[in-house]
Each structure stands twice: as C-alpha cells, then as structure tokens.
Amino acid sequence: MSIPAHSVCTAIRDDIVSGVYERGSRLTEELLARRYGVSRVPVREALRTLEAEGFVVTRRHAGAQVAEPGAQEAVDVLETRLLLEPLCAARAAQRRTEAHLKVLRGLVRLGQERARRGQEEDLRSLGGGFHETLVQASASDFAFIAPDPAAAQDRV
C-alpha cells in the first residue's frame, strides 16, 4: 500500500487507534516506511508529530513505541473535553455559517441513518467530523489546544 507522504501521520494514527499497532508495540521507521510505501523521512516526521500528540513515545536507543496512557491521563483528557466543548459549541452557534450548519445537519442525518442500520463502526468517524466542523464553526483561537478531541480520547 503506497500513500502520499503527507498522509503518513494520519495513517499511522488511524492504525494506532484501530488497534493495528497495540499499546507498547515497537514502531520502526523501516517497517512503517515499507508498510506505507514511503521513505523513512516522512515516517520520522510523522513519529515526531505523533509523539507530540501523545500517541507515540520515543526512548533513547530503543526507538519509538505506541504510548500506553494511564488512568490519570484518561481523566485529564475527559476533564479537558468537558471544559472546552461547551465553549466551542457556544461559539460555533454564534459564529457558524450556513455551510457549517448544512454539514452538521448532514452528519447528524447520516449518523441517525447508520445507527438505524446497525452500522456503529461508522459513527466514530461521523462524530469526529461533527466535532471538527464545530471547531471550525467556532472560529476560535483556543481550538488549537484540542484540534482533534476524539483522537485525544482514542489515545486513552
């Protein structure tokens, strides 16, 4: 499977979240480069980004491995979401455009349809799209703090 270099970070993150790479498993640049059909340079950049996001930890002379977040980190992530999401939603309600509203309504409609059909596996990505659209609609500088709250929760 070969993917564009800029998509390597997203692909690795998605594979971590979906369990392709288990918590604590080692991630070598060579293996990842081969898997995604890219050179080691974009893999190295992706691992740095994923480390900053908390999905990966890097240890000197041991390389990168999938992070193993603890219970306290899970509590911290949920508390942060509880604080930020209401503010983001309130600002989105005030600042949204008709285009944002159309996307949000479409995502809700799709979610309801998929839930009725029992397609629960699609609901997570729809929820992520919903939250991302809310952040965009809020047009807030604070949104950079948690650009993908669902991904942060997936980590824990």
Protein backbone atom coordinates (compact mmCIF):
# COMPACT_ATOMS: atom_id res chain seq x y z
CA MET A 1 0.00 0.00 0.00
CA SER A 2 1.53 3.32 -1.07
CA ILE A 3 0.15 6.61 0.25
CA PRO A 4 1.14 10.28 -0.16
CA ALA A 5 3.90 11.30 2.24
CA HIS A 6 1.70 13.92 3.93
CA SER A 7 -0.81 11.23 4.84
CA VAL A 8 1.66 9.02 6.72
CA CYS A 9 0.95 10.64 10.08
CA THR A 10 -2.80 10.22 9.66
CA ALA A 11 -2.39 6.61 8.54
CA ILE A 12 -0.18 5.68 11.49
CA ARG A 13 -2.52 7.46 13.95
CA ASP A 14 -5.53 5.65 12.48
CA ASP A 15 -3.71 2.32 12.75
CA ILE A 16 -2.84 3.00 16.39
CA VAL A 17 -6.41 3.98 17.24
CA SER A 18 -7.89 0.97 15.42
CA GLY A 19 -5.51 -1.43 17.17
CA VAL A 20 -3.30 -2.41 14.23
CA TYR A 21 -0.41 -1.35 16.45
CA GLU A 22 -1.07 -2.32 20.05
CA ARG A 23 -0.15 -0.23 23.07
CA GLY A 24 3.53 -0.63 23.86
CA SER A 25 4.40 -2.16 20.48
CA ARG A 26 7.60 -1.03 18.81
CA LEU A 27 7.38 1.16 15.69
CA THR A 28 10.44 1.07 13.46
CA GLU A 29 10.96 3.59 10.69
CA GLU A 30 11.92 0.82 8.28
CA LEU A 31 8.77 -1.23 8.93
CA LEU A 32 6.49 1.81 8.71
CA ALA A 33 8.16 3.09 5.54
CA ARG A 34 7.69 -0.30 3.90
CA ARG A 35 4.07 -0.62 5.06
CA TYR A 36 3.02 2.81 3.73
CA GLY A 37 5.24 2.84 0.65
CA VAL A 38 7.23 5.96 1.56
CA SER A 39 10.79 6.81 2.52
CA ARG A 40 11.89 6.98 6.16
CA VAL A 41 11.88 10.82 6.18
CA PRO A 42 8.07 11.27 6.27
CA VAL A 43 7.85 8.40 8.75
CA ARG A 44 10.35 10.15 11.03
CA GLU A 45 8.35 13.40 10.79
CA ALA A 46 5.10 11.53 11.48
CA LEU A 47 6.57 9.87 14.56
CA ARG A 48 7.66 13.27 15.91
CA THR A 49 4.14 14.63 15.38
CA LEU A 50 2.55 11.56 16.97
CA GLU A 51 4.90 11.86 19.92
CA ALA A 52 3.83 15.49 20.41
CA GLU A 53 0.19 14.34 20.29
CA GLY A 54 0.87 11.60 22.84
CA PHE A 55 0.24 8.61 20.58
CA VAL A 56 3.91 7.57 20.49
CA VAL A 57 6.80 7.68 22.96
CA THR A 58 10.42 7.69 21.89
CA ARG A 59 13.16 6.35 24.11
CA ARG A 60 16.86 6.89 23.54
CA HIS A 61 18.47 3.79 21.99
CA ALA A 62 15.11 1.99 21.99
CA GLY A 63 13.21 3.85 19.27
CA ALA A 64 9.52 4.63 19.05
CA GLN A 65 6.66 2.66 20.50
CA VAL A 66 2.91 3.12 20.86
CA ALA A 67 2.13 5.05 24.04
CA GLU A 68 0.48 3.34 26.97
CA PRO A 69 -1.56 6.10 28.63
CA GLY A 70 -2.58 5.62 32.24
CA ALA A 71 -5.83 6.17 34.08
CA GLN A 72 -4.89 9.71 35.14
CA GLU A 73 -4.33 10.72 31.53
CA ALA A 74 -7.80 9.41 30.65
CA VAL A 75 -9.29 11.53 33.42
CA ASP A 76 -7.30 14.58 32.24
CA VAL A 77 -8.47 14.18 28.64
CA LEU A 78 -12.12 13.84 29.66
CA GLU A 79 -11.93 16.82 32.04
CA THR A 80 -10.36 18.95 29.32
CA ARG A 81 -13.10 17.99 26.87
CA LEU A 82 -15.77 18.80 29.46
CA LEU A 83 -14.31 22.30 29.77
CA LEU A 84 -13.62 23.06 26.12
CA GLU A 85 -16.53 21.50 24.25
CA PRO A 86 -19.33 23.67 25.72
CA LEU A 87 -17.35 26.84 24.96
CA CYS A 88 -16.61 25.63 21.46
CA ALA A 89 -20.27 24.72 20.84
CA ALA A 90 -21.49 28.10 22.15
CA ARG A 91 -19.08 29.98 19.90
CA ALA A 92 -19.97 27.76 16.94
CA ALA A 93 -23.65 28.58 17.47
CA GLN A 94 -22.83 32.30 17.36
CA ARG A 95 -20.31 32.27 14.51
CA ARG A 96 -21.42 29.44 12.25
CA THR A 97 -22.16 29.91 8.58
CA GLU A 98 -24.95 28.31 6.60
CA ALA A 99 -22.34 25.96 5.13
CA HIS A 100 -21.34 24.78 8.63
CA LEU A 101 -24.98 24.25 9.51
CA LYS A 102 -25.57 22.25 6.33
CA VAL A 103 -22.58 19.99 7.06
CA LEU A 104 -23.62 19.48 10.70
CA ARG A 105 -27.19 18.59 9.73
CA GLY A 106 -25.91 16.18 7.10
CA LEU A 107 -23.62 14.47 9.61
CA VAL A 108 -26.46 14.11 12.12
CA ARG A 109 -28.74 12.68 9.43
CA LEU A 110 -26.04 10.23 8.31
CA GLY A 111 -25.38 9.21 11.91
CA GLN A 112 -29.06 8.53 12.54
CA GLU A 113 -29.30 6.52 9.34
CA ARG A 114 -26.20 4.44 10.12
CA ALA A 115 -27.36 3.84 13.71
CA ARG A 116 -30.74 2.57 12.43
CA ARG A 117 -28.94 0.18 10.08
CA GLY A 118 -26.65 -1.03 12.86
CA GLN A 119 -23.52 0.41 11.24
CA GLU A 120 -21.93 1.52 14.51
CA GLU A 121 -18.40 1.36 13.10
CA ASP A 122 -19.16 4.48 11.01
CA LEU A 123 -20.42 6.51 13.96
CA ARG A 124 -16.96 7.28 15.37
CA SER A 125 -15.74 8.89 12.15
CA LEU A 126 -19.02 10.78 11.75
CA GLY A 127 -18.69 12.02 15.33
CA GLY A 128 -15.14 13.13 14.60
CA GLY A 129 -16.33 15.03 11.54
CA PHE A 130 -19.09 16.63 13.60
CA HIS A 131 -16.64 17.81 16.28
CA GLU A 132 -14.17 19.04 13.67
CA THR A 133 -16.91 21.07 11.97
CA LEU A 134 -17.93 22.56 15.33
CA VAL A 135 -14.34 23.63 15.98
CA GLN A 136 -14.15 25.22 12.52
CA ALA A 137 -17.50 26.95 13.02
CA SER A 138 -16.37 28.36 16.37
CA ALA A 139 -13.60 30.29 14.58
CA SER A 140 -11.77 30.36 17.91
CA ASP A 141 -8.07 30.62 18.56
CA PHE A 142 -8.45 28.23 21.52
CA ALA A 143 -9.35 25.39 19.15
CA PHE A 144 -5.66 24.68 18.53
CA ILE A 145 -5.47 23.33 22.10
CA ALA A 146 -7.53 20.30 21.15
CA PRO A 147 -7.72 20.19 17.36
CA ASP A 148 -8.99 16.62 17.43
CA PRO A 149 -10.58 15.85 20.79
CA ALA A 150 -11.83 12.48 19.60
CA ALA A 151 -8.28 11.47 18.69
CA ALA A 152 -7.10 12.52 22.13
CA GLN A 153 -9.78 10.36 23.69
CA ASP A 154 -8.89 7.47 21.37
CA ARG A 155 -5.39 7.53 22.81
CA VAL A 156 -6.69 6.67 26.27
